[in-house]
Amino acid sequence: MDLRFPKRLVAVVASMALALVAASAEAAPKDKLLDRQLKAAKSSDLLRVIITAQKGSRATVVQKVQSLGGTVLYQYGKLPNAFAARLSASGISTLSSDLAVANLSSDARVRSRSIIGSVTGQAQATAYSVPAELGLGGFSCGTTTAVAVIDSGIASVPDVASRIVAFRDFTQGNGANGSISAPLDPFGHGTHVAGLVAGNGTGTRGVANGCNLVGLRVLDDKGAGYTSDVINALDWTVINGGKFGVSVVNLSLGHPPYEAAATDPMVQAVESAVNAGFVVVVAAGNNGINPDTNLPGYGGINSPGNAPSAITVGAVRDQATNLRTDDVIADYSSRGPTWIDAFAKPDVVAPGHRLLSSATTTSTLYTTYPSIQGPTVNGQPTMYLSGTSMATGVTSGLVAAMIDSARRTFGVSPTPNTIKAMLMHSAFNMGDASNIAYDILTQGAGAINGVGAVTLAKSIDPRVAVGNSWLVSSVNESSTISGLTMSWARNIVWGSTELNGSTLYSHSTAWDNVVWGTSDNVVWGTNVVWGTNIVWGTNVVWGTNVVWGTAANVVWGTNIVWADLSSDNVVWGTNVVWGTTLVATN
């Protein structure tokens, strides 16, 4: 499949470059460490901020924050130079010129990545289910594998109650370790995601039926929370997750990208978790519509979906059938490249539109939106939600199934990079309703293929030494679902390079725990997606294969109005409002 970018992906990079140049020009030397939100703050604002000190200087910077009248909220264990604080904008300005400070980031509000819209007009086929659509209708997962759901909590509903092995609440300000409590989810979003991951079929069946769950609550009863609490939950997982069998972390949440991935503290917390051996699955975001044109647009990936090593997931409308040939990308699904860094994202796409999953009748979502209420099955209430949040839950379930299958076969788990490569390699290429192939910034490597990914997980032996073939049994690179046999995409996007063919079948250092796309000692072929010769201007030539034109359709750009940091209300463009509404409706 030709994954070069067509001319309709015009001027995205040029727009990004011009925005960055403008931002650099207007930034005084004193505020060079501030992210975009902090630069927009009023001097009188009292702000929540995440501060990264120079190596070994955290204690010194903590004292300086306190001397400026600030309050230290949390100090992180796995981000040893970072901490969260509350400080005046003038105090932050003072810190920005301190040589002991490496970076200052807003403790941005994060939100769930589901949307509320019409749930009518899409009748489900009698035999339809997400596991069946992935070719895993009869799969059951062992209880040695657990998924940490960092979200609005998980309620003790029949679908998942017996397998919630730990629960922590980070929304009450009870410290970096959260508070131990009985499982709860006043909003309802996390319960829905958990059901998609591991529902036992009482109400609905999840992809990894049988796996355990760890609930880490970071969103309140309106589906909103703080970046610092997400980092706390990731920090807790890295330190404690192994005690509960956690191998996968689900993040169906995010915020707009205010800075480069290299300094974004939530992205760095994700990278830390992946480096520790956890597979982190993240929602791409629901910002796929350009607010100016009301057409699908590019550059809308949320943070931490811009984390290089995360598995970033876009959403598919599966038409509520098990057939894969009628699937299309949801128009709201965020497309790449990532803002500021121009990384290729999403990595894959998965079913995410109007999915039925677990609910409680008392949650905010269920009671506020009667139109999303589903049938009660065996006494279990259900509801429909759409979004990349749901696609992320589905993908996390598949990753858990892959890890469980590998452990049963080889006794050990594949690395996060190997899991990501197997998902990409076994994915299906997608086309739109006119059968025109989607580009890589829309579909990533393609739509996830459950039976294919599990087949690879049982065929690649993680114990084989680097430099050797680790494929222990022959693999037919096609899968049959609902009677239709489809070929795998066999594409892996490694940083700036597209890999094809049998690259995955040899144990390279790339599949170990290095930051995705950055291993200098890995040389891949010649099929480069993005080259090194970049010319900025009205037209952009990126490498030798990509020519960007002039009629940009970019989701995020100069039309973003960034929030007053004392409130939750953010207006993007002219028709998308984030904040007091429960869910973004773009």
Protein backbone atom coordinates (compact mmCIF):
# COMPACT_ATOMS: atom_id res chain seq x y z
CA MET A 1 0.00 0.00 0.00
CA ASP A 2 1.29 3.44 -0.90
CA LEU A 3 1.28 5.46 2.33
CA ARG A 4 2.75 8.64 0.90
CA PHE A 5 0.68 11.65 1.84
CA PRO A 6 -1.72 12.85 -0.88
CA LYS A 7 -1.97 16.49 -1.84
CA ARG A 8 -5.13 16.93 0.23
CA LEU A 9 -2.90 16.83 3.35
CA VAL A 10 -1.80 20.31 2.42
CA ALA A 11 0.20 22.80 4.43
CA VAL A 12 -0.14 21.05 7.80
CA VAL A 13 3.57 21.19 8.44
CA ALA A 14 3.87 24.72 7.07
CA SER A 15 1.13 25.88 9.45
CA MET A 16 2.87 24.18 12.34
CA ALA A 17 6.21 25.69 11.44
CA LEU A 18 4.80 29.20 11.12
CA ALA A 19 3.00 28.86 14.45
CA LEU A 20 6.18 27.71 16.14
CA VAL A 21 8.22 30.51 14.60
CA ALA A 22 5.64 33.04 15.75
CA ALA A 23 5.58 31.55 19.24
CA SER A 24 9.37 31.71 19.44
CA ALA A 25 9.44 35.29 18.22
CA GLU A 26 6.98 36.52 20.81
CA ALA A 27 8.55 34.62 23.73
CA ALA A 28 10.90 36.76 25.79
CA PRO A 29 14.04 35.03 27.12
CA LYS A 30 12.51 34.99 30.58
CA ASP A 31 9.53 32.80 29.57
CA LYS A 32 11.35 30.38 27.28
CA LEU A 33 10.58 27.54 29.69
CA LEU A 34 6.84 28.14 29.80
CA ASP A 35 4.29 26.15 27.85
CA ARG A 36 1.63 27.89 25.76
CA GLN A 37 -0.98 28.06 28.51
CA LEU A 38 1.37 29.56 31.06
CA LYS A 39 2.52 32.22 28.60
CA ALA A 40 -1.10 33.32 28.25
CA ALA A 41 -1.70 33.63 31.99
CA LYS A 42 -2.40 36.93 33.75
CA SER A 43 0.16 37.97 36.35
CA SER A 44 -2.51 37.89 39.08
CA ASP A 45 -3.59 34.29 38.35
CA LEU A 46 -2.98 31.55 40.89
CA LEU A 47 -2.04 28.54 38.81
CA ARG A 48 -1.45 24.84 39.09
CA VAL A 49 1.90 24.07 37.51
CA ILE A 50 4.19 21.08 36.96
CA ILE A 51 7.82 22.03 37.45
CA THR A 52 10.78 20.06 36.13
CA ALA A 53 14.05 20.90 37.84
CA GLN A 54 17.49 20.37 36.42
CA LYS A 55 18.90 16.97 37.37
CA GLY A 56 19.58 16.82 41.10
CA SER A 57 18.03 20.23 41.78
CA ARG A 58 14.46 19.35 42.77
CA ALA A 59 14.92 20.02 46.49
CA THR A 60 16.41 23.43 45.70
CA VAL A 61 13.55 24.38 43.38
CA VAL A 62 10.96 23.14 45.90
CA GLN A 63 12.41 25.57 48.44
CA LYS A 64 12.28 28.39 45.90
CA VAL A 65 8.62 27.68 45.15
CA GLN A 66 7.81 27.82 48.85
CA SER A 67 9.78 31.06 49.25
CA LEU A 68 7.64 32.56 46.48
CA GLY A 69 4.48 31.73 48.43
CA GLY A 70 3.72 28.57 46.48
CA THR A 71 2.40 25.23 47.70
CA VAL A 72 3.96 21.92 46.67
CA LEU A 73 1.20 19.42 45.78
CA TYR A 74 3.05 16.26 44.73
CA GLN A 75 6.58 15.04 44.17
CA TYR A 76 6.92 12.20 41.68
CA GLY A 77 8.94 9.04 42.18
CA LYS A 78 9.51 7.92 38.58
CA LEU A 79 9.95 11.49 37.31
CA PRO A 80 12.61 12.28 39.91
CA ASN A 81 13.13 15.89 38.85
CA ALA A 82 9.44 16.85 38.59
CA PHE A 83 6.80 18.00 41.05
CA ALA A 84 3.39 19.67 40.99
CA ALA A 85 2.71 22.96 42.75
CA ARG A 86 0.27 25.85 43.06
CA LEU A 87 1.93 29.21 42.44
CA SER A 88 1.09 32.71 41.28
CA ALA A 89 1.77 33.62 37.66
CA SER A 90 4.28 36.21 38.84
CA GLY A 91 6.09 33.53 40.85
CA ILE A 92 6.13 31.27 37.79
CA SER A 93 7.59 34.11 35.78
CA THR A 94 10.35 34.46 38.35
CA LEU A 95 11.10 30.74 38.18
CA SER A 96 11.33 30.83 34.40
CA SER A 97 14.66 32.66 34.62
CA ASP A 98 16.09 30.36 37.32
CA LEU A 99 18.95 28.19 36.04
CA ALA A 100 17.89 25.33 38.33
CA VAL A 101 14.55 25.05 36.49
CA ALA A 102 14.42 22.95 33.32
CA ASN A 103 10.77 23.43 32.35
CA LEU A 104 7.42 24.83 33.53
CA SER A 105 4.19 23.20 32.35
CA SER A 106 0.58 23.95 33.15
CA ASP A 107 -1.18 21.33 35.25
CA ALA A 108 -3.70 21.13 32.46
CA ARG A 109 -7.24 19.85 32.80
CA VAL A 110 -7.71 16.45 31.18
CA ARG A 111 -10.98 14.99 29.98
CA SER A 112 -12.41 11.72 28.79
CA ARG A 113 -12.25 11.15 25.04
CA SER A 114 -15.84 10.05 24.42
CA ILE A 115 -18.56 12.00 22.67
CA ILE A 116 -22.30 12.27 23.05
CA GLY A 117 -24.25 12.25 19.83
CA SER A 118 -27.11 10.48 18.16
CA VAL A 119 -27.20 6.79 18.97
CA THR A 120 -30.13 6.02 16.72
CA GLY A 121 -30.19 4.80 13.15
CA GLN A 122 -27.53 2.10 13.46
CA ALA A 123 -29.23 -1.24 14.07
CA GLN A 124 -26.97 -3.97 15.36
CA ALA A 125 -26.70 -7.30 13.61
CA THR A 126 -27.97 -10.11 15.85
CA ALA A 127 -24.54 -11.76 16.19
CA TYR A 128 -22.61 -8.48 16.44
CA SER A 129 -20.02 -8.05 19.18
CA VAL A 130 -16.65 -6.33 19.30
CA PRO A 131 -14.77 -9.54 20.19
CA ALA A 132 -16.40 -11.33 17.25
CA GLU A 133 -15.53 -8.42 14.97
CA LEU A 134 -11.89 -8.89 15.97
CA GLY A 135 -12.09 -12.64 15.39
CA LEU A 136 -11.88 -13.33 19.15
CA GLY A 137 -15.49 -14.18 19.96
CA GLY A 138 -14.55 -17.18 22.11
CA PHE A 139 -11.36 -15.83 23.70
CA SER A 140 -10.91 -16.01 27.47
CA CYS A 141 -7.97 -14.43 29.26
CA GLY A 142 -6.16 -15.78 32.31
CA THR A 143 -6.14 -13.86 35.59
CA THR A 144 -2.37 -13.35 35.63
CA THR A 145 -2.75 -10.37 33.28
CA ALA A 146 -4.25 -7.09 34.47
CA VAL A 147 -5.12 -3.79 32.79
CA ALA A 148 -4.87 -0.53 34.74
CA VAL A 149 -7.73 1.75 33.70
CA ILE A 150 -6.77 5.36 34.49
CA ASP A 151 -10.09 7.11 34.15
CA SER A 152 -13.16 8.16 36.14
CA GLY A 153 -13.05 4.95 38.18
CA ILE A 154 -14.69 1.54 37.80
CA ALA A 155 -17.99 0.67 39.44
CA SER A 156 -18.59 -2.80 40.88
CA VAL A 157 -20.95 -3.91 38.12
CA PRO A 158 -21.52 -7.64 37.45
CA ASP A 159 -19.48 -7.51 34.21
CA VAL A 160 -16.21 -6.70 36.01
CA ALA A 161 -16.69 -6.61 39.80
CA SER A 162 -15.02 -9.93 40.61
CA ARG A 163 -11.84 -8.97 38.77
CA ILE A 164 -11.11 -5.50 40.18
CA VAL A 165 -8.00 -6.45 42.16
CA ALA A 166 -7.03 -2.93 43.28
CA PHE A 167 -8.55 0.54 43.32
CA ARG A 168 -7.06 3.95 44.10
CA ASP A 169 -8.69 7.39 44.01
CA PHE A 170 -6.40 10.28 43.02
CA THR A 171 -9.11 12.96 42.83
CA GLN A 172 -9.32 13.78 46.53
CA GLY A 173 -5.92 15.42 46.98
CA ASN A 174 -4.76 12.63 49.28
CA GLY A 175 -1.19 12.52 48.02
CA ALA A 176 0.74 10.92 45.22
CA ASN A 177 -0.38 7.41 46.25
CA GLY A 178 -4.07 8.26 46.11
CA SER A 179 -6.53 6.84 48.60
CA ILE A 180 -7.69 3.26 48.93
CA SER A 181 -11.44 2.97 48.53
CA ALA A 182 -14.12 0.64 47.32
CA PRO A 183 -14.45 0.77 43.51
CA LEU A 184 -16.63 3.65 42.32
CA ASP A 185 -17.32 5.66 39.18
CA PRO A 186 -19.74 8.57 39.58
CA PHE A 187 -19.20 9.71 35.96
CA GLY A 188 -19.54 6.31 34.26
CA HIS A 189 -16.88 6.60 31.58
CA GLY A 190 -14.27 4.35 33.19
CA THR A 191 -16.80 1.59 33.81
CA HIS A 192 -17.77 1.62 30.14
CA VAL A 193 -14.11 1.39 29.11
CA ALA A 194 -13.44 -1.40 31.64
CA GLY A 195 -16.36 -3.38 30.22
CA LEU A 196 -14.91 -3.09 26.71
CA VAL A 197 -11.57 -4.32 28.04
CA ALA A 198 -12.73 -7.24 30.15
CA GLY A 199 -16.52 -7.58 30.49
CA ASN A 200 -17.49 -11.17 31.34
CA GLY A 201 -20.65 -11.20 29.25
CA THR A 202 -23.21 -10.75 32.01
CA GLY A 203 -24.22 -7.57 30.23
CA THR A 204 -21.60 -7.21 27.50
CA ARG A 205 -18.45 -9.17 26.73
CA GLY A 206 -15.05 -7.48 26.58
CA VAL A 207 -12.16 -8.38 24.31
CA ALA A 208 -10.06 -9.86 27.14
CA ASN A 209 -12.83 -11.57 29.10
CA GLY A 210 -11.26 -12.96 32.28
CA CYS A 211 -8.35 -10.57 32.75
CA ASN A 212 -8.00 -8.56 35.95
CA LEU A 213 -8.51 -4.83 36.32
CA VAL A 214 -6.93 -2.10 38.44
CA GLY A 215 -9.04 1.03 38.75
CA LEU A 216 -7.17 4.34 39.11
CA ARG A 217 -9.61 7.22 39.40
CA VAL A 218 -8.32 10.59 38.11
CA LEU A 219 -11.50 12.12 36.64
CA ASP A 220 -14.36 13.59 38.67
CA ASP A 221 -18.11 13.13 38.29
CA LYS A 222 -18.06 15.42 35.24
CA GLY A 223 -15.27 13.52 33.50
CA ALA A 224 -12.53 16.09 34.18
CA GLY A 225 -9.29 15.98 36.16
CA TYR A 226 -5.74 17.29 36.33
CA THR A 227 -2.59 16.25 34.53
CA SER A 228 -0.83 15.93 37.90
CA ASP A 229 -3.28 13.23 39.00
CA VAL A 230 -2.77 11.28 35.78
CA ILE A 231 0.98 11.43 36.41
CA ASN A 232 0.36 10.27 40.00
CA ALA A 233 -1.60 7.28 38.67
CA LEU A 234 1.12 6.41 36.16
CA ASP A 235 3.76 6.80 38.86
CA TRP A 236 1.78 4.51 41.17
CA THR A 237 1.43 1.93 38.38
CA VAL A 238 5.15 1.83 37.65
CA ILE A 239 5.94 1.37 41.35
CA ASN A 240 3.08 -0.94 42.36
CA GLY A 241 1.48 -2.35 39.22
CA GLY A 242 3.62 -5.48 39.16
CA LYS A 243 2.13 -6.60 42.50
CA PHE A 244 -1.27 -6.84 40.79
CA GLY A 245 -0.15 -8.28 37.47
CA VAL A 246 -0.57 -5.03 35.52
CA SER A 247 0.93 -5.24 32.03
CA VAL A 248 -1.30 -2.76 30.18
CA VAL A 249 -2.30 0.82 31.00
CA ASN A 250 -5.40 2.37 29.39
CA LEU A 251 -5.58 6.16 29.04
CA SER A 252 -8.88 7.15 27.43
CA LEU A 253 -8.29 10.82 28.24
CA GLY A 254 -6.15 13.78 27.27
CA HIS A 255 -5.75 17.51 26.75
CA PRO A 256 -4.61 19.78 23.90
CA PRO A 257 -0.85 19.73 23.26
CA TYR A 258 0.62 22.82 24.88
CA GLU A 259 4.29 21.98 24.30
CA ALA A 260 6.66 19.53 22.63
CA ALA A 261 6.51 15.90 23.65
CA ALA A 262 10.06 16.08 25.04
CA THR A 263 8.97 18.49 27.78
CA ASP A 264 5.28 17.56 28.19
CA PRO A 265 5.20 16.01 31.68
CA MET A 266 2.28 13.65 30.95
CA VAL A 267 4.04 12.38 27.82
CA GLN A 268 7.21 11.85 29.81
CA ALA A 269 5.28 9.91 32.46
CA VAL A 270 3.91 7.68 29.69
CA GLU A 271 7.40 7.15 28.30
CA SER A 272 8.62 6.28 31.80
CA ALA A 273 5.89 3.64 32.13
CA VAL A 274 6.73 2.11 28.74
CA ASN A 275 10.42 2.07 29.64
CA ALA A 276 9.44 0.14 32.78
CA GLY A 277 7.80 -2.53 30.62
CA PHE A 278 4.14 -1.47 30.62
CA VAL A 279 2.20 -1.22 27.36
CA VAL A 280 0.43 2.17 27.42
CA VAL A 281 -2.60 2.53 25.13
CA VAL A 282 -3.82 6.12 24.60
CA ALA A 283 -6.77 7.77 22.87
CA ALA A 284 -5.88 9.88 19.83
CA GLY A 285 -8.67 12.36 20.66
CA ASN A 286 -11.94 13.38 19.07
CA ASN A 287 -10.63 16.46 17.27
CA GLY A 288 -10.84 15.15 13.73
CA ILE A 289 -13.14 17.92 12.51
CA ASN A 290 -11.72 21.29 11.49
CA PRO A 291 -13.89 23.79 13.40
CA ASP A 292 -13.58 26.35 10.57
CA THR A 293 -14.59 24.08 7.68
CA ASN A 294 -16.57 21.38 9.54
CA LEU A 295 -14.61 18.88 7.44
CA PRO A 296 -12.13 16.23 8.56
CA GLY A 297 -8.84 17.93 9.38
CA TYR A 298 -5.30 17.07 10.38
CA GLY A 299 -3.03 17.75 13.34
CA GLY A 300 -5.58 17.09 16.10
CA ILE A 301 -3.82 14.44 18.20
CA ASN A 302 -4.22 15.02 21.96
CA SER A 303 -1.58 14.72 24.67
CA PRO A 304 -0.46 12.12 25.73
CA GLY A 305 -1.36 10.56 22.38
CA ASN A 306 1.76 12.31 21.09
CA ALA A 307 3.97 10.06 23.23
CA PRO A 308 6.25 8.25 20.75
CA SER A 309 6.21 4.89 22.54
CA ALA A 310 2.50 4.81 23.37
CA ILE A 311 0.01 2.94 21.18
CA THR A 312 -2.19 5.82 20.04
CA VAL A 313 -5.62 4.75 18.82
CA GLY A 314 -8.12 6.35 16.45
CA ALA A 315 -11.77 5.35 16.08
CA VAL A 316 -13.57 3.24 13.48
CA ARG A 317 -17.30 3.24 12.68
CA ASP A 318 -17.95 -0.47 12.25
CA GLN A 319 -21.62 -0.10 11.20
CA ALA A 320 -22.50 -2.53 14.04
CA THR A 321 -21.61 -5.58 11.96
CA ASN A 322 -18.83 -8.14 12.31
CA LEU A 323 -17.81 -7.56 8.70
CA ARG A 324 -14.66 -5.51 8.30
CA THR A 325 -15.24 -4.40 4.71
CA ASP A 326 -17.95 -1.87 5.66
CA ASP A 327 -15.83 -0.13 8.30
CA VAL A 328 -14.86 3.54 7.89
CA ILE A 329 -12.84 5.98 10.00
CA ALA A 330 -15.04 8.06 12.30
CA ASP A 331 -15.01 11.68 11.17
CA TYR A 332 -14.32 12.90 14.72
CA SER A 333 -11.27 10.65 15.15
CA SER A 334 -8.14 12.80 15.50
CA ARG A 335 -5.65 12.61 12.66
CA GLY A 336 -1.93 13.29 12.73
CA PRO A 337 0.65 14.54 12.58
CA THR A 338 1.11 15.59 16.18
CA TRP A 339 1.08 19.31 16.82
CA ILE A 340 4.56 20.85 17.32
CA ASP A 341 6.57 17.63 16.83
CA ALA A 342 4.89 16.35 13.63
CA PHE A 343 5.07 12.70 14.74
CA ALA A 344 3.17 10.14 12.70
CA LYS A 345 0.05 9.29 14.72
CA PRO A 346 -2.31 7.52 15.30
CA ASP A 347 -0.59 4.15 15.37
CA VAL A 348 -3.70 2.05 14.71
CA VAL A 349 -7.48 2.45 14.64
CA ALA A 350 -10.14 0.29 16.32
CA PRO A 351 -13.92 0.01 16.71
CA GLY A 352 -15.08 3.02 18.71
CA HIS A 353 -18.46 4.19 17.47
CA ARG A 354 -21.68 3.52 19.37
CA LEU A 355 -20.26 0.69 21.43
CA LEU A 356 -22.42 -0.96 24.07
CA SER A 357 -20.80 -1.61 27.43
CA SER A 358 -21.26 -1.65 31.19
CA ALA A 359 -23.09 1.11 33.07
CA THR A 360 -24.66 2.01 36.37
CA THR A 361 -28.02 3.76 36.56
CA THR A 362 -26.64 6.40 38.94
CA SER A 363 -23.69 7.64 36.86
CA THR A 364 -23.69 11.17 35.48
CA LEU A 365 -23.54 10.02 31.86
CA TYR A 366 -26.40 7.52 32.23
CA THR A 367 -28.75 9.88 34.04
CA THR A 368 -27.96 13.03 32.04
CA TYR A 369 -28.27 11.49 28.57
CA PRO A 370 -31.24 9.09 28.38
CA SER A 371 -30.60 8.61 24.64
CA ILE A 372 -27.40 6.64 25.34
CA GLN A 373 -29.05 4.16 27.70
CA GLY A 374 -28.88 0.60 26.41
CA PRO A 375 -30.83 -2.52 27.31
CA THR A 376 -30.62 -4.15 30.71
CA VAL A 377 -29.13 -7.62 30.18
CA ASN A 378 -29.30 -10.19 33.00
CA GLY A 379 -29.83 -7.32 35.42
CA GLN A 380 -26.79 -5.40 34.10
CA PRO A 381 -27.52 -1.87 32.79
CA THR A 382 -25.63 -0.86 29.64
CA MET A 383 -25.06 2.30 27.63
CA TYR A 384 -23.73 3.38 24.25
CA LEU A 385 -20.72 5.66 23.92
CA SER A 386 -18.61 6.73 20.95
CA GLY A 387 -15.09 8.05 20.64
CA THR A 388 -11.43 7.22 20.64
CA SER A 389 -11.87 6.44 24.35
CA MET A 390 -13.87 3.39 23.36
CA ALA A 391 -11.41 2.42 20.63
CA THR A 392 -8.63 2.62 23.21
CA GLY A 393 -10.46 0.28 25.59
CA VAL A 394 -10.97 -2.23 22.77
CA THR A 395 -7.27 -2.06 21.89
CA SER A 396 -6.18 -2.44 25.53
CA GLY A 397 -8.30 -5.59 25.70
CA LEU A 398 -6.56 -6.94 22.59
CA VAL A 399 -3.13 -6.13 24.03
CA ALA A 400 -4.04 -8.00 27.22
CA ALA A 401 -5.13 -10.97 25.09
CA MET A 402 -1.80 -10.88 23.23
CA ILE A 403 0.24 -10.77 26.43
CA ASP A 404 -1.82 -13.55 27.99
CA SER A 405 -1.37 -15.71 24.86
CA ALA A 406 2.39 -15.12 24.80
CA ARG A 407 2.73 -15.99 28.48
CA ARG A 408 0.80 -19.21 28.01
CA THR A 409 2.99 -20.14 25.05
CA PHE A 410 6.46 -18.95 26.10
CA GLY A 411 6.15 -18.11 29.79
CA VAL A 412 7.21 -14.48 29.25
CA SER A 413 5.69 -11.28 27.86
CA PRO A 414 6.73 -9.43 24.71
CA THR A 415 8.12 -5.93 25.23
CA PRO A 416 5.84 -2.92 24.64
CA ASN A 417 7.62 -2.18 21.34
CA THR A 418 7.10 -5.74 20.17
CA ILE A 419 3.40 -5.59 21.02
CA LYS A 420 3.07 -2.33 19.12
CA ALA A 421 4.88 -3.76 16.09
CA MET A 422 2.69 -6.88 16.09
CA LEU A 423 -0.48 -4.77 16.23
CA MET A 424 0.70 -2.72 13.25
CA HIS A 425 2.00 -5.65 11.20
CA SER A 426 -1.24 -7.64 11.52
CA ALA A 427 -3.59 -4.68 10.96
CA PHE A 428 -5.95 -4.37 7.99
CA ASN A 429 -5.61 -1.52 5.49
CA MET A 430 -8.77 0.60 5.35
CA GLY A 431 -10.50 2.59 2.65
CA ASP A 432 -13.38 5.06 2.75
CA ALA A 433 -16.91 4.50 1.46
CA SER A 434 -15.59 4.95 -2.10
CA ASN A 435 -12.83 2.40 -1.42
CA ILE A 436 -10.13 5.07 -1.56
CA ALA A 437 -7.31 4.10 0.78
CA TYR A 438 -6.94 6.22 3.91
CA ASP A 439 -3.56 7.87 4.41
CA ILE A 440 -1.25 7.00 7.29
CA LEU A 441 -2.18 10.11 9.31
CA THR A 442 -5.81 8.97 9.34
CA GLN A 443 -5.56 5.21 9.92
CA GLY A 444 -2.01 4.72 11.16
CA ALA A 445 -0.89 1.25 10.15
CA GLY A 446 -4.53 0.19 9.82
CA ALA A 447 -7.43 -1.32 11.78
CA ILE A 448 -6.56 -3.76 14.55
CA ASN A 449 -6.95 -7.45 13.78
CA GLY A 450 -7.53 -9.43 16.96
CA VAL A 451 -7.02 -12.96 15.70
CA GLY A 452 -3.97 -11.92 13.67
CA ALA A 453 -2.31 -10.08 16.57
CA VAL A 454 -2.88 -13.02 18.94
CA THR A 455 -1.49 -15.39 16.30
CA LEU A 456 1.69 -13.31 16.12
CA ALA A 457 1.94 -13.19 19.93
CA LYS A 458 1.93 -17.01 19.98
CA SER A 459 4.43 -17.25 17.11
CA ILE A 460 7.23 -14.84 18.16
CA ASP A 461 9.41 -16.09 21.02
CA PRO A 462 10.58 -13.16 23.21
CA ARG A 463 13.32 -15.35 24.71
CA VAL A 464 15.34 -15.47 21.46
CA ALA A 465 18.54 -13.41 21.52
CA VAL A 466 18.92 -10.18 19.55
CA GLY A 467 20.06 -10.75 15.98
CA ASN A 468 18.24 -14.04 15.50
CA SER A 469 14.95 -15.04 13.94
CA TRP A 470 12.36 -15.40 16.68
CA LEU A 471 9.49 -16.66 14.56
CA VAL A 472 8.95 -20.20 15.89
CA SER A 473 6.11 -21.22 13.59
CA SER A 474 5.09 -20.19 10.09
CA VAL A 475 2.49 -17.42 9.90
CA ASN A 476 -0.15 -17.06 7.22
CA GLU A 477 -0.31 -13.29 6.85
CA SER A 478 -4.06 -13.14 6.44
CA SER A 479 -7.03 -13.60 8.77
CA THR A 480 -10.56 -14.85 8.25
CA ILE A 481 -13.33 -13.03 10.11
CA SER A 482 -17.05 -13.59 9.45
CA GLY A 483 -16.17 -15.83 6.53
CA LEU A 484 -14.05 -13.20 4.76
CA THR A 485 -10.28 -13.65 4.42
CA MET A 486 -8.23 -10.45 4.41
CA SER A 487 -4.51 -9.84 4.02
CA TRP A 488 -2.52 -8.07 6.72
CA ALA A 489 -1.17 -4.59 6.05
CA ARG A 490 2.39 -5.64 7.03
CA ASN A 491 3.31 -1.98 7.65
CA ILE A 492 5.12 -0.65 10.71
CA VAL A 493 5.85 3.06 11.08
CA TRP A 494 9.10 3.37 13.03
CA GLY A 495 9.69 7.05 13.66
CA SER A 496 10.28 8.53 10.21
CA THR A 497 10.43 5.20 8.41
CA GLU A 498 7.85 2.81 7.04
CA LEU A 499 8.82 -0.84 7.47
CA ASN A 500 7.40 -3.51 5.19
CA GLY A 501 7.61 -7.25 4.84
CA SER A 502 9.33 -9.49 7.33
CA THR A 503 11.21 -6.85 9.39
CA LEU A 504 9.33 -7.94 12.51
CA TYR A 505 10.46 -11.55 12.24
CA SER A 506 14.01 -10.90 13.43
CA HIS A 507 14.75 -9.85 17.01
CA SER A 508 16.19 -6.37 16.60
CA THR A 509 17.12 -3.94 19.37
CA ALA A 510 14.23 -1.81 18.12
CA TRP A 511 11.80 -4.27 19.68
CA ASP A 512 13.40 -3.84 23.09
CA ASN A 513 12.68 -0.93 25.42
CA VAL A 514 14.03 2.00 23.42
CA VAL A 515 11.95 5.09 22.68
CA TRP A 516 9.89 4.23 19.63
CA GLY A 517 11.54 5.53 16.47
CA THR A 518 14.82 6.74 17.99
CA SER A 519 17.16 3.75 18.04
CA ASP A 520 20.28 5.03 16.27
CA ASN A 521 21.76 1.59 15.72
CA VAL A 522 18.76 0.27 13.79
CA VAL A 523 18.96 0.69 10.02
CA TRP A 524 15.75 0.04 8.10
CA GLY A 525 15.59 -0.12 4.31
CA THR A 526 15.00 2.98 2.22
CA ASN A 527 11.26 3.58 2.31
CA VAL A 528 11.34 6.81 4.27
CA VAL A 529 8.03 8.45 5.05
CA TRP A 530 9.57 11.74 6.13
CA GLY A 531 12.98 12.89 4.97
CA THR A 532 15.47 15.37 6.39
CA ASN A 533 15.28 18.12 3.76
CA ILE A 534 12.54 20.42 4.95
CA VAL A 535 11.83 23.70 3.18
CA TRP A 536 9.42 26.02 4.96
CA GLY A 537 7.35 28.51 3.07
CA THR A 538 4.07 28.75 1.18
CA ASN A 539 4.70 25.26 -0.11
CA VAL A 540 6.56 22.62 1.83
CA VAL A 541 8.66 19.80 0.45
CA TRP A 542 9.18 17.24 3.20
CA GLY A 543 11.73 14.67 2.13
CA THR A 544 11.51 13.58 -1.51
CA ASN A 545 8.07 12.03 -1.59
CA VAL A 546 5.75 14.52 0.07
CA VAL A 547 4.66 17.85 -1.37
CA TRP A 548 2.35 20.00 0.71
CA GLY A 549 0.22 22.58 -1.04
CA THR A 550 -1.47 25.76 0.14
CA ALA A 551 -5.10 25.02 1.11
CA ALA A 552 -4.63 23.86 4.66
CA ASN A 553 -7.26 21.94 6.58
CA VAL A 554 -5.68 21.91 10.02
CA VAL A 555 -7.64 21.27 13.20
CA TRP A 556 -5.34 23.16 15.56
CA GLY A 557 -3.60 26.35 14.56
CA THR A 558 -3.94 30.07 15.07
CA ASN A 559 -7.71 29.74 15.62
CA ILE A 560 -7.23 28.15 19.06
CA VAL A 561 -8.33 30.26 22.00
CA TRP A 562 -6.50 28.87 25.02
CA ALA A 563 -8.18 28.76 28.38
CA ASP A 564 -8.21 31.29 31.14
CA LEU A 565 -6.38 29.01 33.57
CA SER A 566 -8.70 29.91 36.44
CA SER A 567 -11.61 28.21 34.65
CA ASP A 568 -12.39 25.08 32.69
CA ASN A 569 -13.83 26.82 29.65
CA VAL A 570 -11.89 26.63 26.41
CA VAL A 571 -13.24 27.66 23.02
CA TRP A 572 -11.51 26.14 20.00
CA GLY A 573 -12.43 27.74 16.70
CA THR A 574 -16.07 28.72 16.54
CA ASN A 575 -18.14 25.62 17.24
CA VAL A 576 -16.33 23.44 19.76
CA VAL A 577 -16.65 24.23 23.44
CA TRP A 578 -14.75 22.36 26.13
CA GLY A 579 -15.34 22.88 29.81
CA THR A 580 -18.74 23.13 31.40
CA THR A 581 -20.28 20.64 29.00
CA LEU A 582 -19.69 17.05 30.05
CA VAL A 583 -18.31 15.85 26.75
CA ALA A 584 -16.86 17.43 23.63
CA THR A 585 -19.37 17.19 20.79
CA ASN A 586 -17.16 17.81 17.81
